[in-house]
Amino acid sequence: MAAGVFKAVIIAAALAFLAVFALVVTPPLIAHPDVIGAFAAGFVNPYASGYAADTLACWVILSAWIL
């Protein structure tokens, strides 16, 4: 894989993760603005869904790195 394509895939994965994380985590954080509680509730829905997006982003980045 060319270096330019690799960088584009990494940037796209990062932006996609940021967008998904923001769309999933921001509404409950606005409803209950306890940031420390949000960090502590990482394994509780809806925050867990946002954190799970990290797994998908890591998979895409690892796949791009291997190819």
N, C-alpha and C. Protein backbone atom coordinates (compact mmCIF):
# COMPACT_ATOMS: atom_id res chain seq x y z
N MET A 1 0.86 -1.17 0.00
CA MET A 1 0.00 0.00 0.00
C MET A 1 0.90 1.23 0.00
N ALA A 2 0.55 2.17 -0.83
CA ALA A 2 1.31 3.41 -0.92
C ALA A 2 1.15 4.23 0.36
N ALA A 3 2.18 5.00 0.65
CA ALA A 3 2.17 5.79 1.89
C ALA A 3 1.01 6.79 1.91
N GLY A 4 0.71 7.37 0.77
CA GLY A 4 -0.40 8.33 0.71
C GLY A 4 -1.74 7.68 0.98
N VAL A 5 -1.94 6.47 0.44
CA VAL A 5 -3.19 5.73 0.67
C VAL A 5 -3.29 5.33 2.13
N PHE A 6 -2.16 4.89 2.71
CA PHE A 6 -2.14 4.50 4.12
C PHE A 6 -2.53 5.68 5.01
N LYS A 7 -1.95 6.83 4.77
CA LYS A 7 -2.28 8.02 5.56
C LYS A 7 -3.74 8.41 5.39
N ALA A 8 -4.26 8.28 4.17
CA ALA A 8 -5.66 8.62 3.93
C ALA A 8 -6.59 7.67 4.68
N VAL A 9 -6.25 6.38 4.71
CA VAL A 9 -7.07 5.40 5.44
C VAL A 9 -7.02 5.68 6.94
N ILE A 10 -5.85 6.00 7.46
CA ILE A 10 -5.72 6.31 8.90
C ILE A 10 -6.53 7.56 9.26
N ILE A 11 -6.43 8.58 8.44
CA ILE A 11 -7.17 9.81 8.70
C ILE A 11 -8.67 9.57 8.60
N ALA A 12 -9.10 8.80 7.59
CA ALA A 12 -10.52 8.49 7.44
C ALA A 12 -11.04 7.68 8.62
N ALA A 13 -10.24 6.72 9.10
CA ALA A 13 -10.65 5.92 10.26
C ALA A 13 -10.76 6.79 11.50
N ALA A 14 -9.82 7.70 11.67
CA ALA A 14 -9.85 8.59 12.83
C ALA A 14 -11.07 9.52 12.79
N LEU A 15 -11.36 10.06 11.62
CA LEU A 15 -12.51 10.95 11.49
C LEU A 15 -13.82 10.19 11.67
N ALA A 16 -13.89 8.98 11.14
CA ALA A 16 -15.10 8.17 11.31
C ALA A 16 -15.30 7.82 12.78
N PHE A 17 -14.22 7.45 13.47
CA PHE A 17 -14.34 7.16 14.90
C PHE A 17 -14.80 8.40 15.67
N LEU A 18 -14.21 9.52 15.37
CA LEU A 18 -14.58 10.75 16.06
C LEU A 18 -16.05 11.08 15.84
N ALA A 19 -16.52 10.92 14.62
CA ALA A 19 -17.92 11.22 14.31
C ALA A 19 -18.87 10.27 15.03
N VAL A 20 -18.57 8.97 14.97
CA VAL A 20 -19.44 7.98 15.64
C VAL A 20 -19.43 8.20 17.15
N PHE A 21 -18.24 8.40 17.71
CA PHE A 21 -18.13 8.61 19.15
C PHE A 21 -18.90 9.85 19.58
N ALA A 22 -18.77 10.93 18.82
CA ALA A 22 -19.47 12.17 19.16
C ALA A 22 -20.99 12.00 19.04
N LEU A 23 -21.44 11.31 17.99
CA LEU A 23 -22.88 11.12 17.81
C LEU A 23 -23.49 10.22 18.87
N VAL A 24 -22.72 9.27 19.37
CA VAL A 24 -23.27 8.33 20.35
C VAL A 24 -23.15 8.86 21.77
N VAL A 25 -22.04 9.51 22.09
CA VAL A 25 -21.77 9.91 23.48
C VAL A 25 -22.30 11.30 23.82
N THR A 26 -22.33 12.21 22.86
CA THR A 26 -22.72 13.59 23.17
C THR A 26 -24.15 13.74 23.68
N PRO A 27 -25.17 13.12 23.07
CA PRO A 27 -26.54 13.32 23.59
C PRO A 27 -26.72 12.91 25.06
N PRO A 28 -26.24 11.74 25.51
CA PRO A 28 -26.41 11.44 26.94
C PRO A 28 -25.55 12.34 27.82
N LEU A 29 -24.43 12.81 27.29
CA LEU A 29 -23.59 13.70 28.07
C LEU A 29 -24.25 15.07 28.23
N ILE A 30 -25.01 15.49 27.23
CA ILE A 30 -25.77 16.75 27.35
C ILE A 30 -26.92 16.58 28.34
N ALA A 31 -27.56 15.40 28.31
CA ALA A 31 -28.68 15.16 29.22
C ALA A 31 -28.22 15.09 30.68
N HIS A 32 -27.05 14.51 30.91
CA HIS A 32 -26.49 14.40 32.26
C HIS A 32 -25.03 14.86 32.18
N PRO A 33 -24.76 16.14 32.40
CA PRO A 33 -23.43 16.69 32.14
C PRO A 33 -22.37 16.36 33.20
N ASP A 34 -22.33 15.15 33.63
CA ASP A 34 -21.31 14.71 34.60
C ASP A 34 -20.20 14.01 33.82
N VAL A 35 -19.12 14.74 33.51
CA VAL A 35 -18.04 14.20 32.68
C VAL A 35 -17.31 13.08 33.42
N ILE A 36 -17.05 13.25 34.70
CA ILE A 36 -16.37 12.21 35.48
C ILE A 36 -17.23 10.95 35.52
N GLY A 37 -18.52 11.12 35.70
CA GLY A 37 -19.43 9.97 35.69
C GLY A 37 -19.46 9.28 34.33
N ALA A 38 -19.33 10.06 33.26
CA ALA A 38 -19.30 9.48 31.91
C ALA A 38 -18.05 8.64 31.72
N PHE A 39 -16.91 9.12 32.23
CA PHE A 39 -15.69 8.31 32.14
C PHE A 39 -15.82 7.05 32.98
N ALA A 40 -16.42 7.17 34.13
CA ALA A 40 -16.58 6.01 35.02
C ALA A 40 -17.60 5.01 34.48
N ALA A 41 -18.54 5.48 33.69
CA ALA A 41 -19.60 4.61 33.16
C ALA A 41 -19.25 4.09 31.77
N GLY A 42 -17.99 3.87 31.50
CA GLY A 42 -17.56 3.42 30.19
C GLY A 42 -18.11 2.08 29.77
N PHE A 43 -18.51 1.25 30.74
CA PHE A 43 -19.02 -0.07 30.41
C PHE A 43 -20.54 -0.13 30.47
N VAL A 44 -21.17 1.04 30.54
CA VAL A 44 -22.62 1.12 30.63
C VAL A 44 -23.14 1.82 29.39
N ASN A 45 -24.23 1.30 28.83
CA ASN A 45 -24.83 1.98 27.68
C ASN A 45 -25.30 3.34 28.10
N PRO A 46 -25.28 4.34 27.29
CA PRO A 46 -24.88 4.40 25.89
C PRO A 46 -23.40 4.65 25.68
N TYR A 47 -22.64 4.86 26.75
CA TYR A 47 -21.22 5.15 26.57
C TYR A 47 -20.46 3.96 26.02
N ALA A 48 -20.86 2.77 26.36
CA ALA A 48 -20.18 1.57 25.88
C ALA A 48 -20.24 1.48 24.36
N SER A 49 -21.32 1.91 23.78
CA SER A 49 -21.45 1.88 22.32
C SER A 49 -20.44 2.82 21.67
N GLY A 50 -20.22 3.95 22.28
CA GLY A 50 -19.22 4.89 21.75
C GLY A 50 -17.82 4.35 21.89
N TYR A 51 -17.54 3.73 23.04
CA TYR A 51 -16.22 3.15 23.26
C TYR A 51 -16.00 1.94 22.36
N ALA A 52 -17.05 1.22 22.02
CA ALA A 52 -16.92 0.06 21.14
C ALA A 52 -16.53 0.47 19.73
N ALA A 53 -16.82 1.70 19.35
CA ALA A 53 -16.41 2.19 18.03
C ALA A 53 -14.89 2.20 17.92
N ASP A 54 -14.20 2.31 19.05
CA ASP A 54 -12.75 2.27 19.06
C ASP A 54 -12.24 0.93 18.54
N THR A 55 -12.93 -0.14 18.85
CA THR A 55 -12.53 -1.47 18.38
C THR A 55 -12.59 -1.53 16.86
N LEU A 56 -13.63 -0.98 16.29
CA LEU A 56 -13.76 -0.97 14.85
C LEU A 56 -12.68 -0.10 14.20
N ALA A 57 -12.41 1.04 14.78
CA ALA A 57 -11.36 1.92 14.25
C ALA A 57 -10.00 1.23 14.33
N CYS A 58 -9.74 0.55 15.42
CA CYS A 58 -8.47 -0.17 15.56
C CYS A 58 -8.35 -1.28 14.52
N TRP A 59 -9.45 -1.96 14.23
CA TRP A 59 -9.44 -3.01 13.21
C TRP A 59 -9.09 -2.43 11.85
N VAL A 60 -9.70 -1.29 11.50
CA VAL A 60 -9.43 -0.66 10.20
C VAL A 60 -7.97 -0.22 10.12
N ILE A 61 -7.46 0.38 11.19
CA ILE A 61 -6.08 0.85 11.20
C ILE A 61 -5.11 -0.33 11.11
N LEU A 62 -5.37 -1.41 11.84
CA LEU A 62 -4.52 -2.58 11.78
C LEU A 62 -4.56 -3.22 10.39
N SER A 63 -5.73 -3.28 9.79
CA SER A 63 -5.86 -3.84 8.43
C SER A 63 -5.06 -3.00 7.43
N ALA A 64 -5.14 -1.68 7.55
CA ALA A 64 -4.38 -0.82 6.64
C ALA A 64 -2.88 -0.99 6.86
N TRP A 65 -2.47 -1.17 8.10
CA TRP A 65 -1.06 -1.34 8.41
C TRP A 65 -0.54 -2.66 7.85
N ILE A 66 -1.34 -3.72 7.95
CA ILE A 66 -0.92 -5.04 7.46
C ILE A 66 -0.85 -5.05 5.93
N LEU A 67 -1.84 -4.42 5.29
CA LEU A 67 -1.85 -4.42 3.83
C LEU A 67 -0.80 -3.49 3.30
